[in-house]
């Protein structure tokens, strides 16, 4: 039973998240020979105030 953790900065629609988990599930099933119903995906969405790249908070970017 694969368990996949995906960390994302907030801001994607439910439609985008649905597409993401569908595509990731299919890729894991194909490449790891695991039935799709056995694949678990955990999405962690971070607030832009809680994520930084190069010393700049994502919330400070324009």
N, C-alpha and C. Protein backbone atom coordinates (compact mmCIF):
# COMPACT_ATOMS: atom_id res chain seq x y z
N UNK A 1 0.85 -1.17 0.00
CA UNK A 1 0.00 0.00 0.00
C UNK A 1 0.90 1.24 0.00
N UNK A 2 1.11 1.85 -1.14
CA UNK A 2 1.89 3.09 -1.18
C UNK A 2 1.13 4.23 -0.51
N UNK A 3 1.87 5.01 0.25
CA UNK A 3 1.33 6.24 0.83
C UNK A 3 2.20 7.38 0.32
N UNK A 4 1.58 8.32 -0.36
CA UNK A 4 2.29 9.43 -0.98
C UNK A 4 1.92 10.72 -0.26
N UNK A 5 2.92 11.49 0.13
CA UNK A 5 2.70 12.80 0.75
C UNK A 5 3.10 13.86 -0.27
N UNK A 6 2.21 14.80 -0.51
CA UNK A 6 2.50 15.90 -1.42
C UNK A 6 2.29 17.20 -0.67
N UNK A 7 3.34 18.00 -0.57
CA UNK A 7 3.27 19.30 0.08
C UNK A 7 3.13 20.37 -1.00
N UNK A 8 2.13 21.24 -0.83
CA UNK A 8 1.85 22.29 -1.79
C UNK A 8 1.62 23.61 -1.08
N UNK A 9 1.97 24.69 -1.75
CA UNK A 9 1.58 26.00 -1.25
C UNK A 9 0.11 26.19 -1.65
N UNK A 10 -0.67 26.75 -0.76
CA UNK A 10 -2.11 26.93 -1.01
C UNK A 10 -2.35 27.71 -2.31
N UNK A 11 -3.56 27.55 -2.84
CA UNK A 11 -3.94 28.36 -3.98
C UNK A 11 -4.47 27.59 -5.17
N UNK A 12 -4.50 26.28 -5.10
CA UNK A 12 -5.03 25.50 -6.21
C UNK A 12 -6.50 25.17 -5.98
N UNK A 13 -7.24 25.09 -7.06
CA UNK A 13 -8.66 24.77 -6.96
C UNK A 13 -8.85 23.28 -6.68
N UNK A 14 -10.06 22.93 -6.23
CA UNK A 14 -10.36 21.51 -6.01
C UNK A 14 -10.24 20.73 -7.31
N UNK A 15 -10.59 21.35 -8.42
CA UNK A 15 -10.47 20.69 -9.72
C UNK A 15 -9.00 20.36 -10.02
N UNK A 16 -8.10 21.30 -9.73
CA UNK A 16 -6.68 21.05 -9.95
C UNK A 16 -6.17 19.94 -9.04
N UNK A 17 -6.59 19.95 -7.78
CA UNK A 17 -6.16 18.92 -6.83
C UNK A 17 -6.69 17.55 -7.23
N UNK A 18 -7.93 17.51 -7.71
CA UNK A 18 -8.48 16.24 -8.19
C UNK A 18 -7.65 15.69 -9.35
N UNK A 19 -7.30 16.55 -10.29
CA UNK A 19 -6.48 16.13 -11.42
C UNK A 19 -5.12 15.64 -10.97
N UNK A 20 -4.54 16.33 -10.01
CA UNK A 20 -3.22 15.95 -9.49
C UNK A 20 -3.25 14.55 -8.89
N UNK A 21 -4.20 14.30 -7.98
CA UNK A 21 -4.24 12.99 -7.32
C UNK A 21 -4.60 11.88 -8.31
N UNK A 22 -5.42 12.19 -9.28
CA UNK A 22 -5.76 11.20 -10.31
C UNK A 22 -4.52 10.82 -11.11
N UNK A 23 -3.77 11.82 -11.58
CA UNK A 23 -2.58 11.56 -12.38
C UNK A 23 -1.49 10.85 -11.58
N UNK A 24 -1.29 11.27 -10.33
CA UNK A 24 -0.27 10.63 -9.49
C UNK A 24 -0.66 9.18 -9.21
N UNK A 25 -1.92 8.95 -8.94
CA UNK A 25 -2.41 7.59 -8.69
C UNK A 25 -2.15 6.70 -9.90
N UNK A 26 -2.49 7.18 -11.07
CA UNK A 26 -2.28 6.39 -12.30
C UNK A 26 -0.79 6.10 -12.51
N UNK A 27 0.07 7.09 -12.28
CA UNK A 27 1.51 6.89 -12.48
C UNK A 27 2.07 5.85 -11.51
N UNK A 28 1.65 5.92 -10.26
CA UNK A 28 2.15 4.96 -9.28
C UNK A 28 1.63 3.57 -9.60
N UNK A 29 0.37 3.48 -9.94
CA UNK A 29 -0.21 2.19 -10.28
C UNK A 29 0.52 1.55 -11.45
N UNK A 30 0.78 2.33 -12.48
CA UNK A 30 1.47 1.82 -13.68
C UNK A 30 2.91 1.40 -13.38
N UNK A 31 3.64 2.25 -12.68
CA UNK A 31 5.07 2.03 -12.49
C UNK A 31 5.43 1.13 -11.32
N UNK A 32 4.52 1.01 -10.36
CA UNK A 32 4.79 0.17 -9.19
C UNK A 32 3.92 -1.09 -9.18
N UNK A 33 3.10 -1.23 -10.22
CA UNK A 33 2.22 -2.40 -10.35
C UNK A 33 1.36 -2.60 -9.10
N UNK A 34 0.69 -1.52 -8.71
CA UNK A 34 -0.18 -1.54 -7.54
C UNK A 34 -1.58 -1.12 -7.99
N UNK A 35 -2.62 -1.82 -7.55
CA UNK A 35 -3.98 -1.40 -7.91
C UNK A 35 -4.27 0.01 -7.38
N UNK A 36 -4.96 0.80 -8.18
CA UNK A 36 -5.24 2.20 -7.80
C UNK A 36 -5.93 2.31 -6.45
N UNK A 37 -6.81 1.37 -6.14
CA UNK A 37 -7.56 1.46 -4.88
C UNK A 37 -6.68 1.23 -3.65
N UNK A 38 -5.43 0.82 -3.84
CA UNK A 38 -4.51 0.61 -2.72
C UNK A 38 -3.57 1.79 -2.51
N UNK A 39 -3.69 2.81 -3.34
CA UNK A 39 -2.78 3.96 -3.28
C UNK A 39 -3.42 5.08 -2.45
N UNK A 40 -2.70 5.53 -1.46
CA UNK A 40 -3.17 6.60 -0.57
C UNK A 40 -2.34 7.85 -0.84
N UNK A 41 -3.02 8.98 -0.95
CA UNK A 41 -2.32 10.25 -1.17
C UNK A 41 -2.77 11.23 -0.11
N UNK A 42 -1.80 11.86 0.53
CA UNK A 42 -2.07 12.89 1.54
C UNK A 42 -1.57 14.21 1.00
N UNK A 43 -2.48 15.17 0.88
CA UNK A 43 -2.12 16.52 0.42
C UNK A 43 -1.99 17.43 1.64
N UNK A 44 -0.87 18.11 1.72
CA UNK A 44 -0.65 19.10 2.77
C UNK A 44 -0.52 20.45 2.11
N UNK A 45 -1.49 21.32 2.36
CA UNK A 45 -1.44 22.66 1.78
C UNK A 45 -0.93 23.63 2.84
N UNK A 46 0.13 24.34 2.49
CA UNK A 46 0.73 25.30 3.41
C UNK A 46 0.26 26.71 3.07
N UNK A 47 0.03 27.48 4.09
CA UNK A 47 -0.26 28.90 3.88
C UNK A 47 0.99 29.57 3.33
N UNK A 48 0.79 30.57 2.50
CA UNK A 48 1.92 31.27 1.90
C UNK A 48 2.79 31.95 2.95
N UNK A 49 2.22 32.23 4.12
CA UNK A 49 2.99 32.82 5.22
C UNK A 49 3.93 31.80 5.88
N UNK A 50 3.71 30.52 5.59
CA UNK A 50 4.50 29.46 6.22
C UNK A 50 5.49 28.80 5.28
N UNK A 51 5.79 29.45 4.16
CA UNK A 51 6.71 28.87 3.19
C UNK A 51 7.59 29.97 2.61
N UNK A 52 8.88 29.68 2.54
CA UNK A 52 9.84 30.67 2.07
C UNK A 52 10.79 30.05 1.07
N UNK A 53 11.17 30.83 0.07
CA UNK A 53 12.21 30.44 -0.88
C UNK A 53 13.22 31.58 -0.94
N UNK A 54 14.48 31.27 -0.70
CA UNK A 54 15.52 32.29 -0.78
C UNK A 54 15.34 33.43 0.21
N UNK A 55 14.76 33.14 1.35
CA UNK A 55 14.59 34.16 2.39
C UNK A 55 13.37 35.05 2.21
N UNK A 56 12.53 34.74 1.24
CA UNK A 56 11.33 35.54 1.00
C UNK A 56 10.09 34.68 1.17
N UNK A 57 9.16 35.14 2.01
CA UNK A 57 7.91 34.42 2.17
C UNK A 57 7.13 34.44 0.87
N UNK A 58 6.48 33.34 0.56
CA UNK A 58 5.66 33.28 -0.65
C UNK A 58 4.55 34.32 -0.61
N UNK A 59 4.09 34.67 0.60
CA UNK A 59 3.03 35.67 0.73
C UNK A 59 3.52 37.07 0.35
N UNK A 60 4.84 37.29 0.35
CA UNK A 60 5.40 38.59 -0.01
C UNK A 60 5.63 38.74 -1.51
N UNK A 61 5.51 37.61 -2.23
CA UNK A 61 5.72 37.67 -3.69
C UNK A 61 4.50 38.23 -4.38
N UNK A 62 4.74 38.86 -5.49
CA UNK A 62 3.62 39.45 -6.24
C UNK A 62 3.22 38.58 -7.38
